Amino acid sequence: MTKPTIAGRTPIPTQLEAGKTYYFCTCGLSQNQPFCDSSHRDSDFSPKAFAVDESKAYYLCACKQSADLPFCDGTHSTLDASQ
């Protein structure tokens, strides 16, 4: 699989509702970041379905490199500027 496009270098604060299913963009091409808009078509990527247990603001990954997708784990701060 190819590497995703880095959609941003800071997390995206997003208000999420408990029990609702969301589809996280894993390719980095969506114009509706951090959510999927089907821009991954014709690629090796597919959206990541997820839900949360508590309604509140979450920080979702924009660099697409987090080990805890869709949530930010701070990986963006370690990326090389050329990436």
PDB file of N, CA and C in Angstrom:
ATOM      1  N   MET A   1       0.841  -1.183   0.000  1.00  0.00           N
ATOM      2  CA  MET A   1       0.000   0.000   0.000  1.00  0.00           C
ATOM      3  C   MET A   1       0.883   1.242   0.000  1.00  0.00           C
ATOM      4  N   THR A   2       0.478   2.256  -0.726  1.00  0.00           N
ATOM      5  CA  THR A   2       1.224   3.506  -0.764  1.00  0.00           C
ATOM      6  C   THR A   2       0.965   4.315   0.499  1.00  0.00           C
ATOM      7  N   LYS A   3       1.812   5.304   0.715  1.00  0.00           N
ATOM      8  CA  LYS A   3       1.643   6.171   1.879  1.00  0.00           C
ATOM      9  C   LYS A   3       0.515   7.164   1.624  1.00  0.00           C
ATOM     10  N   PRO A   4      -0.235   7.504   2.661  1.00  0.00           N
ATOM     11  CA  PRO A   4      -1.299   8.486   2.490  1.00  0.00           C
ATOM     12  C   PRO A   4      -0.733   9.890   2.311  1.00  0.00           C
ATOM     13  N   THR A   5      -1.526  10.737   1.719  1.00  0.00           N
ATOM     14  CA  THR A   5      -1.190  12.155   1.600  1.00  0.00           C
ATOM     15  C   THR A   5      -1.368  12.805   2.961  1.00  0.00           C
ATOM     16  N   ILE A   6      -0.427  13.627   3.367  1.00  0.00           N
ATOM     17  CA  ILE A   6      -0.558  14.349   4.628  1.00  0.00           C
ATOM     18  C   ILE A   6      -1.544  15.488   4.405  1.00  0.00           C
ATOM     19  N   ALA A   7      -2.693  15.410   5.059  1.00  0.00           N
ATOM     20  CA  ALA A   7      -3.738  16.420   4.885  1.00  0.00           C
ATOM     21  C   ALA A   7      -3.478  17.654   5.744  1.00  0.00           C
ATOM     22  N   GLY A   8      -2.680  17.508   6.794  1.00  0.00           N
ATOM     23  CA  GLY A   8      -2.364  18.617   7.680  1.00  0.00           C
ATOM     24  C   GLY A   8      -1.316  18.202   8.689  1.00  0.00           C
ATOM     25  N   ARG A   9      -0.739  19.171   9.354  1.00  0.00           N
ATOM     26  CA  ARG A   9       0.328  18.894  10.321  1.00  0.00           C
ATOM     27  C   ARG A   9      -0.067  19.245  11.746  1.00  0.00           C
ATOM     28  N   THR A  10      -1.358  19.421  11.948  1.00  0.00           N
ATOM     29  CA  THR A  10      -1.909  19.608  13.289  1.00  0.00           C
ATOM     30  C   THR A  10      -3.197  18.797  13.371  1.00  0.00           C
ATOM     31  N   PRO A  11      -3.552  18.338  14.577  1.00  0.00           N
ATOM     32  CA  PRO A  11      -4.778  17.564  14.701  1.00  0.00           C
ATOM     33  C   PRO A  11      -6.006  18.429  14.431  1.00  0.00           C
ATOM     34  N   ILE A  12      -7.101  17.766  14.082  1.00  0.00           N
ATOM     35  CA  ILE A  12      -8.346  18.466  13.777  1.00  0.00           C
ATOM     36  C   ILE A  12      -9.313  18.259  14.943  1.00  0.00           C
ATOM     37  N   PRO A  13      -9.584  19.322  15.730  1.00  0.00           N
ATOM     38  CA  PRO A  13     -10.553  19.168  16.821  1.00  0.00           C
ATOM     39  C   PRO A  13     -11.947  18.976  16.232  1.00  0.00           C
ATOM     40  N   THR A  14     -12.627  17.905  16.657  1.00  0.00           N
ATOM     41  CA  THR A  14     -13.905  17.535  16.064  1.00  0.00           C
ATOM     42  C   THR A  14     -14.875  17.077  17.140  1.00  0.00           C
ATOM     43  N   GLN A  15     -16.048  17.673  17.158  1.00  0.00           N
ATOM     44  CA  GLN A  15     -17.089  17.267  18.098  1.00  0.00           C
ATOM     45  C   GLN A  15     -17.763  16.008  17.560  1.00  0.00           C
ATOM     46  N   LEU A  16     -17.718  14.935  18.338  1.00  0.00           N
ATOM     47  CA  LEU A  16     -18.303  13.655  17.918  1.00  0.00           C
ATOM     48  C   LEU A  16     -19.400  13.242  18.889  1.00  0.00           C
ATOM     49  N   GLU A  17     -20.396  12.541  18.359  1.00  0.00           N
ATOM     50  CA  GLU A  17     -21.519  12.065  19.156  1.00  0.00           C
ATOM     51  C   GLU A  17     -21.345  10.585  19.486  1.00  0.00           C
ATOM     52  N   ALA A  18     -21.627  10.235  20.721  1.00  0.00           N
ATOM     53  CA  ALA A  18     -21.535   8.839  21.160  1.00  0.00           C
ATOM     54  C   ALA A  18     -22.472   7.958  20.350  1.00  0.00           C
ATOM     55  N   GLY A  19     -21.975   6.780  19.964  1.00  0.00           N
ATOM     56  CA  GLY A  19     -22.779   5.788  19.274  1.00  0.00           C
ATOM     57  C   GLY A  19     -22.979   6.012  17.783  1.00  0.00           C
ATOM     58  N   LYS A  20     -22.596   7.150  17.259  1.00  0.00           N
ATOM     59  CA  LYS A  20     -22.730   7.431  15.827  1.00  0.00           C
ATOM     60  C   LYS A  20     -21.514   6.859  15.099  1.00  0.00           C
ATOM     61  N   THR A  21     -21.723   6.295  13.915  1.00  0.00           N
ATOM     62  CA  THR A  21     -20.612   5.764  13.123  1.00  0.00           C
ATOM     63  C   THR A  21     -20.079   6.854  12.207  1.00  0.00           C
ATOM     64  N   TYR A  22     -18.768   7.025  12.229  1.00  0.00           N
ATOM     65  CA  TYR A  22     -18.067   7.996  11.392  1.00  0.00           C
ATOM     66  C   TYR A  22     -17.121   7.237  10.470  1.00  0.00           C
ATOM     67  N   TYR A  23     -16.768   7.868   9.363  1.00  0.00           N
ATOM     68  CA  TYR A  23     -15.836   7.272   8.405  1.00  0.00           C
ATOM     69  C   TYR A  23     -14.660   8.223   8.217  1.00  0.00           C
ATOM     70  N   PHE A  24     -13.537   7.826   8.779  1.00  0.00           N
ATOM     71  CA  PHE A  24     -12.312   8.621   8.781  1.00  0.00           C
ATOM     72  C   PHE A  24     -11.564   8.454   7.463  1.00  0.00           C
ATOM     73  N   CYS A  25     -11.111   9.549   6.890  1.00  0.00           N
ATOM     74  CA  CYS A  25     -10.317   9.528   5.662  1.00  0.00           C
ATOM     75  C   CYS A  25      -8.921   8.993   5.983  1.00  0.00           C
ATOM     76  N   THR A  26      -8.529   7.923   5.333  1.00  0.00           N
ATOM     77  CA  THR A  26      -7.191   7.358   5.528  1.00  0.00           C
ATOM     78  C   THR A  26      -6.229   7.722   4.405  1.00  0.00           C
ATOM     79  N   CYS A  27      -6.761   8.211   3.282  1.00  0.00           N
ATOM     80  CA  CYS A  27      -5.901   8.518   2.128  1.00  0.00           C
ATOM     81  C   CYS A  27      -5.311   9.927   2.187  1.00  0.00           C
ATOM     82  N   GLY A  28      -5.985  10.834   2.888  1.00  0.00           N
ATOM     83  CA  GLY A  28      -5.528  12.217   2.981  1.00  0.00           C
ATOM     84  C   GLY A  28      -6.017  13.109   1.865  1.00  0.00           C
ATOM     85  N   LEU A  29      -6.811  12.596   0.949  1.00  0.00           N
ATOM     86  CA  LEU A  29      -7.255  13.371  -0.217  1.00  0.00           C
ATOM     87  C   LEU A  29      -8.631  14.012  -0.060  1.00  0.00           C
ATOM     88  N   SER A  30      -9.383  13.602   0.941  1.00  0.00           N
ATOM     89  CA  SER A  30     -10.744  14.112   1.127  1.00  0.00           C
ATOM     90  C   SER A  30     -10.762  15.633   1.286  1.00  0.00           C
ATOM     91  N   GLN A  31     -11.732  16.267   0.674  1.00  0.00           N
ATOM     92  CA  GLN A  31     -11.940  17.707   0.842  1.00  0.00           C
ATOM     93  C   GLN A  31     -12.775  17.977   2.091  1.00  0.00           C
ATOM     94  N   ASN A  32     -13.194  16.914   2.780  1.00  0.00           N
ATOM     95  CA  ASN A  32     -14.030  17.005   3.972  1.00  0.00           C
ATOM     96  C   ASN A  32     -13.274  16.467   5.192  1.00  0.00           C
ATOM     97  N   GLN A  33     -11.988  16.796   5.304  1.00  0.00           N
ATOM     98  CA  GLN A  33     -11.157  16.289   6.399  1.00  0.00           C
ATOM     99  C   GLN A  33     -11.790  16.602   7.749  1.00  0.00           C
ATOM    100  N   PRO A  34     -11.734  15.664   8.662  1.00  0.00           N
ATOM    101  CA  PRO A  34     -11.009  14.402   8.641  1.00  0.00           C
ATOM    102  C   PRO A  34     -11.853  13.226   8.133  1.00  0.00           C
ATOM    103  N   PHE A  35     -12.998  13.533   7.556  1.00  0.00           N
ATOM    104  CA  PHE A  35     -13.919  12.476   7.133  1.00  0.00           C
ATOM    105  C   PHE A  35     -13.795  12.153   5.648  1.00  0.00           C
ATOM    106  N   CYS A  36     -14.180  10.948   5.299  1.00  0.00           N
ATOM    107  CA  CYS A  36     -14.090  10.450   3.932  1.00  0.00           C
ATOM    108  C   CYS A  36     -15.131  11.100   3.026  1.00  0.00           C
ATOM    109  N   ASP A  37     -14.711  11.447   1.813  1.00  0.00           N
ATOM    110  CA  ASP A  37     -15.635  11.924   0.777  1.00  0.00           C
ATOM    111  C   ASP A  37     -15.513  11.073  -0.493  1.00  0.00           C
ATOM    112  N   SER A  38     -14.929   9.898  -0.348  1.00  0.00           N
ATOM    113  CA  SER A  38     -14.715   8.927  -1.431  1.00  0.00           C
ATOM    114  C   SER A  38     -13.604   9.316  -2.400  1.00  0.00           C
ATOM    115  N   SER A  39     -12.737  10.229  -2.017  1.00  0.00           N
ATOM    116  CA  SER A  39     -11.594  10.597  -2.865  1.00  0.00           C
ATOM    117  C   SER A  39     -10.598   9.456  -3.019  1.00  0.00           C
ATOM    118  N   HIS A  40     -10.716   8.440  -2.191  1.00  0.00           N
ATOM    119  CA  HIS A  40      -9.794   7.303  -2.241  1.00  0.00           C
ATOM    120  C   HIS A  40     -10.068   6.372  -3.418  1.00  0.00           C
ATOM    121  N   ARG A  41     -11.131   6.585  -4.136  1.00  0.00           N
ATOM    122  CA  ARG A  41     -11.445   5.704  -5.271  1.00  0.00           C
ATOM    123  C   ARG A  41     -10.219   5.567  -6.168  1.00  0.00           C
ATOM    124  N   ASP A  42     -10.046   4.405  -6.725  1.00  0.00           N
ATOM    125  CA  ASP A  42      -8.893   4.099  -7.574  1.00  0.00           C
ATOM    126  C   ASP A  42      -7.570   4.135  -6.811  1.00  0.00           C
ATOM    127  N   SER A  43      -7.631   3.858  -5.502  1.00  0.00           N
ATOM    128  CA  SER A  43      -6.414   3.775  -4.694  1.00  0.00           C
ATOM    129  C   SER A  43      -6.495   2.528  -3.818  1.00  0.00           C
ATOM    130  N   ASP A  44      -5.449   2.291  -3.050  1.00  0.00           N
ATOM    131  CA  ASP A  44      -5.409   1.161  -2.133  1.00  0.00           C
ATOM    132  C   ASP A  44      -6.080   1.470  -0.797  1.00  0.00           C
ATOM    133  N   PHE A  45      -6.580   2.674  -0.628  1.00  0.00           N
ATOM    134  CA  PHE A  45      -7.130   3.108   0.648  1.00  0.00           C
ATOM    135  C   PHE A  45      -8.632   2.880   0.746  1.00  0.00           C
ATOM    136  N   SER A  46      -9.090   2.763   1.977  1.00  0.00           N
ATOM    137  CA  SER A  46     -10.521   2.718   2.255  1.00  0.00           C
ATOM    138  C   SER A  46     -10.743   3.447   3.576  1.00  0.00           C
ATOM    139  N   PRO A  47     -11.934   3.986   3.788  1.00  0.00           N
ATOM    140  CA  PRO A  47     -12.178   4.739   5.018  1.00  0.00           C
ATOM    141  C   PRO A  47     -12.158   3.820   6.243  1.00  0.00           C
ATOM    142  N   LYS A  48     -11.871   4.413   7.383  1.00  0.00           N
ATOM    143  CA  LYS A  48     -11.868   3.674   8.645  1.00  0.00           C
ATOM    144  C   LYS A  48     -13.136   4.030   9.407  1.00  0.00           C
ATOM    145  N   ALA A  49     -14.025   3.058   9.576  1.00  0.00           N
ATOM    146  CA  ALA A  49     -15.248   3.264  10.345  1.00  0.00           C
ATOM    147  C   ALA A  49     -14.898   3.255  11.833  1.00  0.00           C
ATOM    148  N   PHE A  50     -15.505   4.180  12.571  1.00  0.00           N
ATOM    149  CA  PHE A  50     -15.278   4.210  14.015  1.00  0.00           C
ATOM    150  C   PHE A  50     -16.448   4.885  14.718  1.00  0.00           C
ATOM    151  N   ALA A  51     -16.546   4.665  16.002  1.00  0.00           N
ATOM    152  CA  ALA A  51     -17.541   5.305  16.858  1.00  0.00           C
ATOM    153  C   ALA A  51     -16.863   5.616  18.187  1.00  0.00           C
ATOM    154  N   VAL A  52     -17.442   6.521  18.945  1.00  0.00           N
ATOM    155  CA  VAL A  52     -16.912   6.866  20.263  1.00  0.00           C
ATOM    156  C   VAL A  52     -17.971   6.569  21.322  1.00  0.00           C
ATOM    157  N   ASP A  53     -17.525   6.373  22.549  1.00  0.00           N
ATOM    158  CA  ASP A  53     -18.432   6.056  23.647  1.00  0.00           C
ATOM    159  C   ASP A  53     -18.959   7.290  24.365  1.00  0.00           C
ATOM    160  N   GLU A  54     -18.285   8.414  24.165  1.00  0.00           N
ATOM    161  CA  GLU A  54     -18.651   9.638  24.870  1.00  0.00           C
ATOM    162  C   GLU A  54     -18.757  10.799  23.874  1.00  0.00           C
ATOM    163  N   SER A  55     -19.832  11.580  23.978  1.00  0.00           N
ATOM    164  CA  SER A  55     -19.995  12.772  23.139  1.00  0.00           C
ATOM    165  C   SER A  55     -19.101  13.875  23.694  1.00  0.00           C
ATOM    166  N   LYS A  56     -18.148  14.306  22.886  1.00  0.00           N
ATOM    167  CA  LYS A  56     -17.227  15.379  23.275  1.00  0.00           C
ATOM    168  C   LYS A  56     -16.330  15.703  22.085  1.00  0.00           C
ATOM    169  N   ALA A  57     -15.424  16.653  22.276  1.00  0.00           N
ATOM    170  CA  ALA A  57     -14.454  17.001  21.235  1.00  0.00           C
ATOM    171  C   ALA A  57     -13.279  16.026  21.291  1.00  0.00           C
ATOM    172  N   TYR A  58     -12.883  15.550  20.129  1.00  0.00           N
ATOM    173  CA  TYR A  58     -11.739  14.657  19.981  1.00  0.00           C
ATOM    174  C   TYR A  58     -10.773  15.295  19.000  1.00  0.00           C
ATOM    175  N   TYR A  59      -9.487  14.963  19.119  1.00  0.00           N
ATOM    176  CA  TYR A  59      -8.484  15.451  18.186  1.00  0.00           C
ATOM    177  C   TYR A  59      -8.182  14.335  17.199  1.00  0.00           C
ATOM    178  N   LEU A  60      -8.615  14.530  15.955  1.00  0.00           N
ATOM    179  CA  LEU A  60      -8.428  13.516  14.920  1.00  0.00           C
ATOM    180  C   LEU A  60      -7.187  13.820  14.099  1.00  0.00           C
ATOM    181  N   CYS A  61      -6.529  12.773  13.667  1.00  0.00           N
ATOM    182  CA  CYS A  61      -5.259  12.865  12.957  1.00  0.00           C
ATOM    183  C   CYS A  61      -5.441  13.451  11.554  1.00  0.00           C
ATOM    184  N   ALA A  62      -4.624  14.433  11.224  1.00  0.00           N
ATOM    185  CA  ALA A  62      -4.626  15.009   9.880  1.00  0.00           C
ATOM    186  C   ALA A  62      -3.421  14.541   9.072  1.00  0.00           C
ATOM    187  N   CYS A  63      -2.362  14.107   9.759  1.00  0.00           N
ATOM    188  CA  CYS A  63      -1.159  13.667   9.037  1.00  0.00           C
ATOM    189  C   CYS A  63      -1.298  12.239   8.513  1.00  0.00           C
ATOM    190  N   LYS A  64      -2.272  11.510   9.026  1.00  0.00           N
ATOM    191  CA  LYS A  64      -2.576  10.134   8.598  1.00  0.00           C
ATOM    192  C   LYS A  64      -1.476   9.141   8.973  1.00  0.00           C
ATOM    193  N   GLN A  65      -0.602   9.517   9.912  1.00  0.00           N
ATOM    194  CA  GLN A  65       0.512   8.668  10.320  1.00  0.00           C
ATOM    195  C   GLN A  65       0.367   8.136  11.746  1.00  0.00           C
ATOM    196  N   SER A  66      -0.667   8.533  12.479  1.00  0.00           N
ATOM    197  CA  SER A  66      -0.854   8.135  13.870  1.00  0.00           C
ATOM    198  C   SER A  66      -0.938   6.621  14.008  1.00  0.00           C
ATOM    199  N   ALA A  67      -0.398   6.095  15.087  1.00  0.00           N
ATOM    200  CA  ALA A  67      -0.525   4.668  15.388  1.00  0.00           C
ATOM    201  C   ALA A  67      -1.893   4.368  16.002  1.00  0.00           C
ATOM    202  N   ASP A  68      -2.667   5.412  16.280  1.00  0.00           N
ATOM    203  CA  ASP A  68      -3.970   5.276  16.931  1.00  0.00           C
ATOM    204  C   ASP A  68      -5.085   5.893  16.085  1.00  0.00           C
ATOM    205  N   LEU A  69      -5.002   5.719  14.749  1.00  0.00           N
ATOM    206  CA  LEU A  69      -6.021   6.297  13.866  1.00  0.00           C
ATOM    207  C   LEU A  69      -7.414   5.857  14.280  1.00  0.00           C
ATOM    208  N   PRO A  70      -8.362   6.765  14.296  1.00  0.00           N
ATOM    209  CA  PRO A  70      -8.351   8.093  13.702  1.00  0.00           C
ATOM    210  C   PRO A  70      -7.845   9.194  14.638  1.00  0.00           C
ATOM    211  N   PHE A  71      -7.420   8.815  15.836  1.00  0.00           N
ATOM    212  CA  PHE A  71      -7.046   9.804  16.836  1.00  0.00           C
ATOM    213  C   PHE A  71      -5.586  10.221  16.714  1.00  0.00           C
ATOM    214  N   CYS A  72      -5.324  11.480  17.007  1.00  0.00           N
ATOM    215  CA  CYS A  72      -3.965  12.012  16.959  1.00  0.00           C
ATOM    216  C   CYS A  72      -3.156  11.454  18.124  1.00  0.00           C
ATOM    217  N   ASP A  73      -1.926  11.037  17.843  1.00  0.00           N
ATOM    218  CA  ASP A  73      -1.004  10.588  18.886  1.00  0.00           C
ATOM    219  C   ASP A  73       0.266  11.427  18.923  1.00  0.00           C
ATOM    220  N   GLY A  74       0.258  12.559  18.212  1.00  0.00           N
ATOM    221  CA  GLY A  74       1.406  13.461  18.206  1.00  0.00           C
ATOM    222  C   GLY A  74       2.445  13.154  17.147  1.00  0.00           C
ATOM    223  N   THR A  75       2.226  12.146  16.330  1.00  0.00           N
ATOM    224  CA  THR A  75       3.193  11.769  15.300  1.00  0.00           C
ATOM    225  C   THR A  75       3.504  12.932  14.364  1.00  0.00           C
ATOM    226  N   HIS A  76       2.541  13.813  14.121  1.00  0.00           N
ATOM    227  CA  HIS A  76       2.755  14.947  13.207  1.00  0.00           C
ATOM    228  C   HIS A  76       3.962  15.790  13.613  1.00  0.00           C
ATOM    229  N   SER A  77       4.263  15.835  14.895  1.00  0.00           N
ATOM    230  CA  SER A  77       5.387  16.660  15.370  1.00  0.00           C
ATOM    231  C   SER A  77       6.739  16.039  15.042  1.00  0.00           C
ATOM    232  N   THR A  78       6.756  14.776  14.598  1.00  0.00           N
ATOM    233  CA  THR A  78       8.011  14.110  14.273  1.00  0.00           C
ATOM    234  C   THR A  78       8.246  13.969  12.774  1.00  0.00           C
ATOM    235  N   LEU A  79       7.292  14.424  11.961  1.00  0.00           N
ATOM    236  CA  LEU A  79       7.419  14.269  10.512  1.00  0.00           C
ATOM    237  C   LEU A  79       8.449  15.226   9.931  1.00  0.00           C
ATOM    238  N   ASP A  80       9.187  14.748   8.983  1.00  0.00           N
ATOM    239  CA  ASP A  80      10.155  15.545   8.242  1.00  0.00           C
ATOM    240  C   ASP A  80       9.390  16.560   7.390  1.00  0.00           C
ATOM    241  N   ALA A  81       9.888  17.755   7.295  1.00  0.00           N
ATOM    242  CA  ALA A  81       9.223  18.821   6.527  1.00  0.00           C
ATOM    243  C   ALA A  81       9.085  18.459   5.043  1.00  0.00           C
ATOM    244  N   SER A  82       9.915  17.544   4.560  1.00  0.00           N
ATOM    245  CA  SER A  82       9.843  17.170   3.141  1.00  0.00           C
ATOM    246  C   SER A  82       8.727  16.164   2.872  1.00  0.00           C
ATOM    247  N   GLN A  83       8.121  15.643   3.893  1.00  0.00           N
ATOM    248  CA  GLN A  83       7.043  14.655   3.719  1.00  0.00           C
ATOM    249  C   GLN A  83       5.732  15.343   3.448  1.00  0.00           C
TER     250      GLN A  83
END
